[in-house]
C-alpha cells in the first residue's frame, strides 16, 4: 500500500493559520462590552447646548467660538429648556443673560455637566448659598488661586481677562468641596470667586452630591467681545473640564 506524506512546509502553514484563528476567537470572546459610560461621555464631549435668553445677547460670540473649537452647538431659549432636553449632550452652558425664573428648577440634578455664567442660577443650583453672589464693574484682571488645576488653563497669578474695563460676576464662599480657581481682587480671602467648580460626586453648598461636574464661570452678557486670549483660555478650560466629567 502506498502512503502519502504531508509536506513539512504545508503542515507548518496549516498550524500557523489554526493558531491565528484560535487567537482571534479568544480575543473577541474576552473583549469587554461597551458600558456606555466613559466611552459614551467621550463621544458626546464635543456636543454643547447653550441656554440663552429669548431676546438674544452675547450668546452669538459664545456659539461661534464653541463651533470654532470643534463643538456641535444647539442653542435653546431659557423658557424652553428642561433637563431632559440636554440628554445626549456633553456639556450645557447657561448664559448670564437667562431669566432664572424660567429655568428648569431641576438644573442642579442634571446628569449632563453644566457651566453656569448666571450667578443667580448658580445659587439656585446650590453652587453657592442663597443670594451669595454679586457683580463688580471696571474690572480687567482676576487672580488665579489654583494654577495647577485644569480649570486654570495653565495660567497663574494675576491674569488680564478683558482688553478693557468690564463687568464681572462672582459667587461668595462656594462649598467646602468646591475647587476654587480665580477671585477678584487678589485678597486671598476667597470671597468674590469668579471661577469655581464641583467634581462629579462632590458635595455642593447644600451638602448634596452633584451628579455631574458643575462649574461657575464669570462672563456677563455683553462682555464677551472684551475677552483677551487668556480670558478665552479660561472659558475653554471650563467647558472642556466640565465635558470630561470625571475624566482627565
C-alpha atoms as a PDB file:
ATOM      1  CA  UNK A   1       0.000   0.000   0.000  1.00  0.00           C
ATOM      2  CA  UNK A   2       1.285   3.426  -0.932  1.00  0.00           C
ATOM      3  CA  UNK A   3       1.139   6.166   1.699  1.00  0.00           C
ATOM      4  CA  UNK A   4       1.160   9.948   1.193  1.00  0.00           C
ATOM      5  CA  UNK A   5       3.407  12.049   3.407  1.00  0.00           C
ATOM      6  CA  UNK A   6       2.409  15.590   4.357  1.00  0.00           C
ATOM      7  CA  UNK A   7       4.891  18.212   3.180  1.00  0.00           C
ATOM      8  CA  UNK A   8       6.503  19.810   6.267  1.00  0.00           C
ATOM      9  CA  UNK A   9       6.034  23.383   4.929  1.00  0.00           C
ATOM     10  CA  UNK A  10       2.316  22.851   4.330  1.00  0.00           C
ATOM     11  CA  UNK A  11       1.937  21.359   7.791  1.00  0.00           C
ATOM     12  CA  UNK A  12       3.641  24.387   9.352  1.00  0.00           C
ATOM     13  CA  UNK A  13       1.395  26.833   7.436  1.00  0.00           C
ATOM     14  CA  UNK A  14      -1.720  24.929   8.468  1.00  0.00           C
ATOM     15  CA  UNK A  15      -0.619  25.003  12.106  1.00  0.00           C
ATOM     16  CA  UNK A  16       0.043  28.770  11.987  1.00  0.00           C
ATOM     17  CA  UNK A  17      -3.383  29.508  10.458  1.00  0.00           C
ATOM     18  CA  UNK A  18      -5.065  27.453  13.173  1.00  0.00           C
ATOM     19  CA  UNK A  19      -3.179  29.337  15.906  1.00  0.00           C
ATOM     20  CA  UNK A  20      -4.130  32.736  14.445  1.00  0.00           C
ATOM     21  CA  UNK A  21      -7.788  31.760  14.186  1.00  0.00           C
ATOM     22  CA  UNK A  22      -7.800  30.485  17.757  1.00  0.00           C
ATOM     23  CA  UNK A  23      -6.221  33.737  18.992  1.00  0.00           C
ATOM     24  CA  UNK A  24      -8.866  35.804  17.214  1.00  0.00           C
ATOM     25  CA  UNK A  25     -11.675  33.802  18.768  1.00  0.00           C
ATOM     26  CA  UNK A  26     -10.215  34.209  22.260  1.00  0.00           C
ATOM     27  CA  UNK A  27      -9.674  37.946  21.779  1.00  0.00           C
ATOM     28  CA  UNK A  28     -13.250  38.512  20.630  1.00  0.00           C
ATOM     29  CA  UNK A  29     -14.739  36.498  23.459  1.00  0.00           C
ATOM     30  CA  UNK A  30     -12.663  38.299  26.105  1.00  0.00           C
ATOM     31  CA  UNK A  31     -13.155  41.870  24.829  1.00  0.00           C
ATOM     32  CA  UNK A  32     -15.101  43.978  27.347  1.00  0.00           C
ATOM     33  CA  UNK A  33     -18.581  45.029  26.331  1.00  0.00           C
ATOM     34  CA  UNK A  34     -19.277  48.740  25.961  1.00  0.00           C
ATOM     35  CA  UNK A  35     -20.816  50.094  29.109  1.00  0.00           C
ATOM     36  CA  UNK A  36     -21.898  53.377  27.643  1.00  0.00           C
ATOM     37  CA  UNK A  37     -20.051  55.142  30.479  1.00  0.00           C
ATOM     38  CA  UNK A  38     -16.730  56.850  29.769  1.00  0.00           C
ATOM     39  CA  UNK A  39     -16.881  55.870  26.108  1.00  0.00           C
ATOM     40  CA  UNK A  40     -20.289  57.469  25.687  1.00  0.00           C
ATOM     41  CA  UNK A  41     -19.218  60.574  27.608  1.00  0.00           C
ATOM     42  CA  UNK A  42     -16.157  60.924  25.404  1.00  0.00           C
ATOM     43  CA  UNK A  43     -18.267  60.583  22.268  1.00  0.00           C
ATOM     44  CA  UNK A  44     -20.607  63.361  23.408  1.00  0.00           C
ATOM     45  CA  UNK A  45     -17.941  65.668  24.844  1.00  0.00           C
ATOM     46  CA  UNK A  46     -17.953  67.866  21.744  1.00  0.00           C
ATOM     47  CA  UNK A  47     -21.733  68.392  21.791  1.00  0.00           C
ATOM     48  CA  UNK A  48     -22.668  71.579  23.630  1.00  0.00           C
ATOM     49  CA  UNK A  49     -26.032  73.090  24.471  1.00  0.00           C
ATOM     50  CA  UNK A  50     -26.166  76.853  25.043  1.00  0.00           C
ATOM     51  CA  UNK A  51     -29.069  78.200  27.094  1.00  0.00           C
ATOM     52  CA  UNK A  52     -29.816  81.821  26.202  1.00  0.00           C
ATOM     53  CA  UNK A  53     -32.421  84.470  26.832  1.00  0.00           C
ATOM     54  CA  UNK A  54     -35.225  84.850  24.311  1.00  0.00           C
ATOM     55  CA  UNK A  55     -34.100  88.233  23.008  1.00  0.00           C
ATOM     56  CA  UNK A  56     -30.525  87.090  22.458  1.00  0.00           C
ATOM     57  CA  UNK A  57     -27.370  88.818  23.585  1.00  0.00           C
ATOM     58  CA  UNK A  58     -23.685  87.959  23.618  1.00  0.00           C
ATOM     59  CA  UNK A  59     -24.501  84.298  23.148  1.00  0.00           C
ATOM     60  CA  UNK A  60     -23.607  84.601  19.446  1.00  0.00           C
ATOM     61  CA  UNK A  61     -19.982  85.126  20.471  1.00  0.00           C
ATOM     62  CA  UNK A  62     -20.104  82.020  22.625  1.00  0.00           C
ATOM     63  CA  UNK A  63     -21.788  79.879  19.978  1.00  0.00           C
ATOM     64  CA  UNK A  64     -19.370  80.941  17.227  1.00  0.00           C
ATOM     65  CA  UNK A  65     -16.388  80.407  19.494  1.00  0.00           C
ATOM     66  CA  UNK A  66     -17.531  76.919  20.502  1.00  0.00           C
ATOM     67  CA  UNK A  67     -18.038  75.985  16.865  1.00  0.00           C
ATOM     68  CA  UNK A  68     -14.503  77.133  16.058  1.00  0.00           C
ATOM     69  CA  UNK A  69     -13.305  74.872  18.862  1.00  0.00           C
ATOM     70  CA  UNK A  70     -14.956  71.920  17.147  1.00  0.00           C
ATOM     71  CA  UNK A  71     -18.169  71.700  19.160  1.00  0.00           C
ATOM     72  CA  UNK A  72     -21.578  70.878  17.732  1.00  0.00           C
ATOM     73  CA  UNK A  73     -23.780  73.551  19.270  1.00  0.00           C
ATOM     74  CA  UNK A  74     -27.508  73.700  19.908  1.00  0.00           C
ATOM     75  CA  UNK A  75     -28.943  76.862  21.437  1.00  0.00           C
ATOM     76  CA  UNK A  76     -32.146  76.743  23.458  1.00  0.00           C
ATOM     77  CA  UNK A  77     -34.209  79.631  24.836  1.00  0.00           C
ATOM     78  CA  UNK A  78     -34.332  79.639  28.647  1.00  0.00           C
ATOM     79  CA  UNK A  79     -38.111  79.259  28.868  1.00  0.00           C
ATOM     80  CA  UNK A  80     -37.970  76.160  26.641  1.00  0.00           C
ATOM     81  CA  UNK A  81     -35.160  74.410  28.492  1.00  0.00           C
ATOM     82  CA  UNK A  82     -35.656  71.260  30.534  1.00  0.00           C
ATOM     83  CA  UNK A  83     -33.054  68.867  31.862  1.00  0.00           C
ATOM     84  CA  UNK A  84     -34.351  66.113  29.576  1.00  0.00           C
ATOM     85  CA  UNK A  85     -33.516  68.208  26.516  1.00  0.00           C
ATOM     86  CA  UNK A  86     -29.838  68.063  27.490  1.00  0.00           C
ATOM     87  CA  UNK A  87     -29.698  64.276  27.211  1.00  0.00           C
ATOM     88  CA  UNK A  88     -27.079  63.242  24.681  1.00  0.00           C
ATOM     89  CA  UNK A  89     -25.007  66.407  25.092  1.00  0.00           C
ATOM     90  CA  UNK A  90     -21.563  66.587  26.640  1.00  0.00           C
ATOM     91  CA  UNK A  91     -21.974  69.936  28.367  1.00  0.00           C
ATOM     92  CA  UNK A  92     -24.580  72.648  28.958  1.00  0.00           C
ATOM     93  CA  UNK A  93     -23.607  76.325  29.070  1.00  0.00           C
ATOM     94  CA  UNK A  94     -26.031  78.652  30.864  1.00  0.00           C
ATOM     95  CA  UNK A  95     -25.645  82.247  29.657  1.00  0.00           C
ATOM     96  CA  UNK A  96     -25.605  85.104  32.151  1.00  0.00           C
ATOM     97  CA  UNK A  97     -28.496  86.659  30.277  1.00  0.00           C
ATOM     98  CA  UNK A  98     -31.044  83.937  31.055  1.00  0.00           C
ATOM     99  CA  UNK A  99     -34.103  84.579  33.181  1.00  0.00           C
ATOM    100  CA  UNK A 100     -33.529  82.350  36.202  1.00  0.00           C
ATOM    101  CA  UNK A 101     -37.252  82.117  36.932  1.00  0.00           C
ATOM    102  CA  UNK A 102     -37.749  80.430  33.557  1.00  0.00           C
ATOM    103  CA  UNK A 103     -35.024  77.845  34.012  1.00  0.00           C
ATOM    104  CA  UNK A 104     -35.787  74.274  34.933  1.00  0.00           C
ATOM    105  CA  UNK A 105     -35.604  74.108  38.732  1.00  0.00           C
ATOM    106  CA  UNK A 106     -34.007  70.675  38.432  1.00  0.00           C
ATOM    107  CA  UNK A 107     -30.845  72.050  36.776  1.00  0.00           C
ATOM    108  CA  UNK A 108     -28.806  71.002  39.799  1.00  0.00           C
ATOM    109  CA  UNK A 109     -29.848  67.381  39.208  1.00  0.00           C
ATOM    110  CA  UNK A 110     -28.592  67.376  35.607  1.00  0.00           C
ATOM    111  CA  UNK A 111     -26.505  64.320  34.793  1.00  0.00           C
ATOM    112  CA  UNK A 112     -25.010  66.337  31.951  1.00  0.00           C
ATOM    113  CA  UNK A 113     -22.150  68.611  33.105  1.00  0.00           C
ATOM    114  CA  UNK A 114     -23.072  72.282  33.425  1.00  0.00           C
ATOM    115  CA  UNK A 115     -21.132  75.549  33.123  1.00  0.00           C
ATOM    116  CA  UNK A 116     -23.134  78.428  34.591  1.00  0.00           C
ATOM    117  CA  UNK A 117     -22.417  82.096  33.927  1.00  0.00           C
ATOM    118  CA  UNK A 118     -25.566  83.319  35.706  1.00  0.00           C
ATOM    119  CA  UNK A 119     -24.702  83.753  39.389  1.00  0.00           C
ATOM    120  CA  UNK A 120     -28.353  83.616  40.476  1.00  0.00           C
ATOM    121  CA  UNK A 121     -28.759  80.330  38.583  1.00  0.00           C
ATOM    122  CA  UNK A 122     -25.606  79.082  40.323  1.00  0.00           C
ATOM    123  CA  UNK A 123     -27.213  79.927  43.654  1.00  0.00           C
ATOM    124  CA  UNK A 124     -30.430  78.149  42.655  1.00  0.00           C
ATOM    125  CA  UNK A 125     -28.351  75.095  41.730  1.00  0.00           C
ATOM    126  CA  UNK A 126     -26.671  75.069  45.130  1.00  0.00           C
ATOM    127  CA  UNK A 127     -23.198  76.050  43.937  1.00  0.00           C
ATOM    128  CA  UNK A 128     -23.251  78.993  46.368  1.00  0.00           C
ATOM    129  CA  UNK A 129     -25.659  79.993  49.119  1.00  0.00           C
ATOM    130  CA  UNK A 130     -28.903  81.899  48.713  1.00  0.00           C
ATOM    131  CA  UNK A 131     -28.179  85.446  47.494  1.00  0.00           C
ATOM    132  CA  UNK A 132     -24.447  84.826  47.987  1.00  0.00           C
ATOM    133  CA  UNK A 133     -23.369  86.468  44.757  1.00  0.00           C
ATOM    134  CA  UNK A 134     -22.836  89.842  43.119  1.00  0.00           C
ATOM    135  CA  UNK A 135     -21.259  91.897  40.333  1.00  0.00           C
ATOM    136  CA  UNK A 136     -18.340  94.283  40.017  1.00  0.00           C
ATOM    137  CA  UNK A 137     -17.678  96.970  37.392  1.00  0.00           C
ATOM    138  CA  UNK A 138     -14.461  98.426  35.972  1.00  0.00           C
ATOM    139  CA  UNK A 139     -12.513  95.185  36.207  1.00  0.00           C
ATOM    140  CA  UNK A 140      -9.774  93.911  33.895  1.00  0.00           C
ATOM    141  CA  UNK A 141      -7.992  91.198  35.882  1.00  0.00           C
ATOM    142  CA  UNK A 142      -8.638  88.262  38.181  1.00  0.00           C
ATOM    143  CA  UNK A 143      -6.260  86.381  40.450  1.00  0.00           C
ATOM    144  CA  UNK A 144      -5.608  82.669  39.936  1.00  0.00           C
ATOM    145  CA  UNK A 145      -5.650  80.730  43.203  1.00  0.00           C
ATOM    146  CA  UNK A 146      -5.053  77.183  41.935  1.00  0.00           C
ATOM    147  CA  UNK A 147      -2.782  77.326  38.898  1.00  0.00           C
ATOM    148  CA  UNK A 148      -2.278  73.547  38.825  1.00  0.00           C
ATOM    149  CA  UNK A 149      -5.940  72.713  38.275  1.00  0.00           C
ATOM    150  CA  UNK A 150      -7.098  72.187  34.649  1.00  0.00           C
ATOM    151  CA  UNK A 151      -9.672  74.951  35.109  1.00  0.00           C
ATOM    152  CA  UNK A 152      -6.805  77.448  35.392  1.00  0.00           C
ATOM    153  CA  UNK A 153      -5.738  76.699  31.794  1.00  0.00           C
ATOM    154  CA  UNK A 154      -2.072  76.793  32.790  1.00  0.00           C
ATOM    155  CA  UNK A 155      -2.335  80.417  33.939  1.00  0.00           C
ATOM    156  CA  UNK A 156      -1.210  81.778  37.308  1.00  0.00           C
ATOM    157  CA  UNK A 157      -1.125  84.881  39.483  1.00  0.00           C
ATOM    158  CA  UNK A 158      -2.839  87.975  38.030  1.00  0.00           C
ATOM    159  CA  UNK A 159      -4.473  87.416  34.641  1.00  0.00           C
ATOM    160  CA  UNK A 160      -5.968  90.049  32.352  1.00  0.00           C
ATOM    161  CA  UNK A 161      -9.283  88.600  31.218  1.00  0.00           C
ATOM    162  CA  UNK A 162     -10.517  91.763  29.450  1.00  0.00           C
ATOM    163  CA  UNK A 163      -8.903  94.037  26.851  1.00  0.00           C
ATOM    164  CA  UNK A 164     -10.567  96.985  28.565  1.00  0.00           C
ATOM    165  CA  UNK A 165     -12.508  97.509  31.764  1.00  0.00           C
ATOM    166  CA  UNK A 166     -15.605  95.360  32.031  1.00  0.00           C
ATOM    167  CA  UNK A 167     -18.027  93.751  34.425  1.00  0.00           C
ATOM    168  CA  UNK A 168     -17.504  90.520  36.300  1.00  0.00           C
ATOM    169  CA  UNK A 169     -19.885  88.428  38.365  1.00  0.00           C
ATOM    170  CA  UNK A 170     -18.968  86.250  41.306  1.00  0.00           C
ATOM    171  CA  UNK A 171     -20.139  83.829  43.942  1.00  0.00           C
ATOM    172  CA  UNK A 172     -19.406  84.258  47.648  1.00  0.00           C
ATOM    173  CA  UNK A 173     -17.882  81.370  49.595  1.00  0.00           C
ATOM    174  CA  UNK A 174     -18.600  78.258  47.493  1.00  0.00           C
ATOM    175  CA  UNK A 175     -18.993  74.936  49.322  1.00  0.00           C
ATOM    176  CA  UNK A 176     -16.033  73.316  51.072  1.00  0.00           C
ATOM    177  CA  UNK A 177     -15.696  70.658  48.367  1.00  0.00           C
ATOM    178  CA  UNK A 178     -15.579  73.154  45.502  1.00  0.00           C
ATOM    179  CA  UNK A 179     -12.338  73.710  43.606  1.00  0.00           C
ATOM    180  CA  UNK A 180     -11.711  77.462  43.782  1.00  0.00           C
ATOM    181  CA  UNK A 181      -9.788  78.757  40.766  1.00  0.00           C
ATOM    182  CA  UNK A 182      -9.995  82.541  40.496  1.00  0.00           C
ATOM    183  CA  UNK A 183     -11.135  85.517  42.562  1.00  0.00           C
ATOM    184  CA  UNK A 184     -11.362  89.276  42.495  1.00  0.00           C
ATOM    185  CA  UNK A 185      -9.412  91.050  43.799  1.00  0.00           C
ATOM    186  CA  UNK A 186      -6.253  89.206  44.873  1.00  0.00           C
ATOM    187  CA  UNK A 187      -7.306  89.340  48.506  1.00  0.00           C
ATOM    188  CA  UNK A 188      -6.695  85.746  49.468  1.00  0.00           C
ATOM    189  CA  UNK A 189      -9.988  85.562  51.353  1.00  0.00           C
ATOM    190  CA  UNK A 190     -11.785  83.617  48.597  1.00  0.00           C
ATOM    191  CA  UNK A 191     -14.793  85.885  48.831  1.00  0.00           C
ATOM    192  CA  UNK A 192     -15.539  87.137  45.322  1.00  0.00           C
ATOM    193  CA  UNK A 193     -14.898  83.928  43.407  1.00  0.00           C
ATOM    194  CA  UNK A 194     -15.152  84.264  39.632  1.00  0.00           C
ATOM    195  CA  UNK A 195     -14.323  80.673  38.650  1.00  0.00           C
ATOM    196  CA  UNK A 196     -15.023  77.576  40.719  1.00  0.00           C
ATOM    197  CA  UNK A 197     -16.322  74.087  40.171  1.00  0.00           C
ATOM    198  CA  UNK A 198     -17.504  70.860  41.719  1.00  0.00           C
ATOM    199  CA  UNK A 199     -16.186  67.476  40.747  1.00  0.00           C
ATOM    200  CA  UNK A 200     -18.759  64.805  39.999  1.00  0.00           C
ATOM    201  CA  UNK A 201     -19.900  63.411  43.356  1.00  0.00           C
ATOM    202  CA  UNK A 202     -18.632  66.372  45.397  1.00  0.00           C
ATOM    203  CA  UNK A 203     -20.998  67.998  47.904  1.00  0.00           C
ATOM    204  CA  UNK A 204     -22.423  71.414  46.994  1.00  0.00           C
ATOM    205  CA  UNK A 205     -23.337  74.190  49.426  1.00  0.00           C
ATOM    206  CA  UNK A 206     -26.441  72.239  50.457  1.00  0.00           C
ATOM    207  CA  UNK A 207     -24.399  69.102  51.172  1.00  0.00           C
ATOM    208  CA  UNK A 208     -25.885  67.406  48.108  1.00  0.00           C
ATOM    209  CA  UNK A 209     -23.674  65.294  45.846  1.00  0.00           C
ATOM    210  CA  UNK A 210     -23.612  66.775  42.344  1.00  0.00           C
ATOM    211  CA  UNK A 211     -24.439  64.155  39.676  1.00  0.00           C
ATOM    212  CA  UNK A 212     -22.006  65.630  37.131  1.00  0.00           C
ATOM    213  CA  UNK A 213     -19.293  68.275  37.048  1.00  0.00           C
ATOM    214  CA  UNK A 214     -20.686  71.750  37.614  1.00  0.00           C
ATOM    215  CA  UNK A 215     -18.753  74.967  37.047  1.00  0.00           C
ATOM    216  CA  UNK A 216     -19.388  78.621  37.732  1.00  0.00           C
ATOM    217  CA  UNK A 217     -17.667  80.916  35.230  1.00  0.00           C
ATOM    218  CA  UNK A 218     -17.923  84.703  35.310  1.00  0.00           C
ATOM    219  CA  UNK A 219     -18.950  86.021  31.903  1.00  0.00           C
ATOM    220  CA  UNK A 220     -21.663  88.686  31.990  1.00  0.00           C
ATOM    221  CA  UNK A 221     -23.625  89.138  28.773  1.00  0.00           C
ATOM    222  CA  UNK A 222     -22.127  91.889  26.643  1.00  0.00           C
ATOM    223  CA  UNK A 223     -18.583  91.365  27.901  1.00  0.00           C
ATOM    224  CA  UNK A 224     -17.726  88.516  25.518  1.00  0.00           C
ATOM    225  CA  UNK A 225     -16.143  90.792  22.906  1.00  0.00           C
ATOM    226  CA  UNK A 226     -13.751  92.174  25.545  1.00  0.00           C
ATOM    227  CA  UNK A 227     -12.197  88.830  26.415  1.00  0.00           C
ATOM    228  CA  UNK A 228      -8.453  88.534  25.952  1.00  0.00           C
ATOM    229  CA  UNK A 229      -6.779  85.374  24.680  1.00  0.00           C
ATOM    230  CA  UNK A 230      -6.255  84.371  28.319  1.00  0.00           C
ATOM    231  CA  UNK A 231      -9.912  85.067  29.029  1.00  0.00           C
ATOM    232  CA  UNK A 232     -10.901  82.672  26.252  1.00  0.00           C
ATOM    233  CA  UNK A 233      -8.383  80.107  27.514  1.00  0.00           C
ATOM    234  CA  UNK A 234     -10.122  80.103  30.866  1.00  0.00           C
ATOM    235  CA  UNK A 235     -13.511  79.792  29.187  1.00  0.00           C
ATOM    236  CA  UNK A 236     -12.315  76.890  27.036  1.00  0.00           C
ATOM    237  CA  UNK A 237     -10.862  75.185  30.096  1.00  0.00           C
ATOM    238  CA  UNK A 238     -14.196  75.482  31.929  1.00  0.00           C
ATOM    239  CA  UNK A 239     -16.116  73.903  29.045  1.00  0.00           C
ATOM    240  CA  UNK A 240     -13.541  71.150  28.429  1.00  0.00           C
ATOM    241  CA  UNK A 241     -13.156  70.228  32.111  1.00  0.00           C
ATOM    242  CA  UNK A 242     -16.896  70.036  32.623  1.00  0.00           C
ATOM    243  CA  UNK A 243     -17.403  67.965  29.468  1.00  0.00           C
ATOM    244  CA  UNK A 244     -14.695  65.479  30.562  1.00  0.00           C
ATOM    245  CA  UNK A 245     -16.934  64.810  33.614  1.00  0.00           C
ATOM    246  CA  UNK A 246     -14.535  62.805  35.739  1.00  0.00           C
ATOM    247  CA  UNK A 247     -12.015  62.039  33.023  1.00  0.00           C
ATOM    248  CA  UNK A 248      -8.800  63.990  32.586  1.00  0.00           C
END
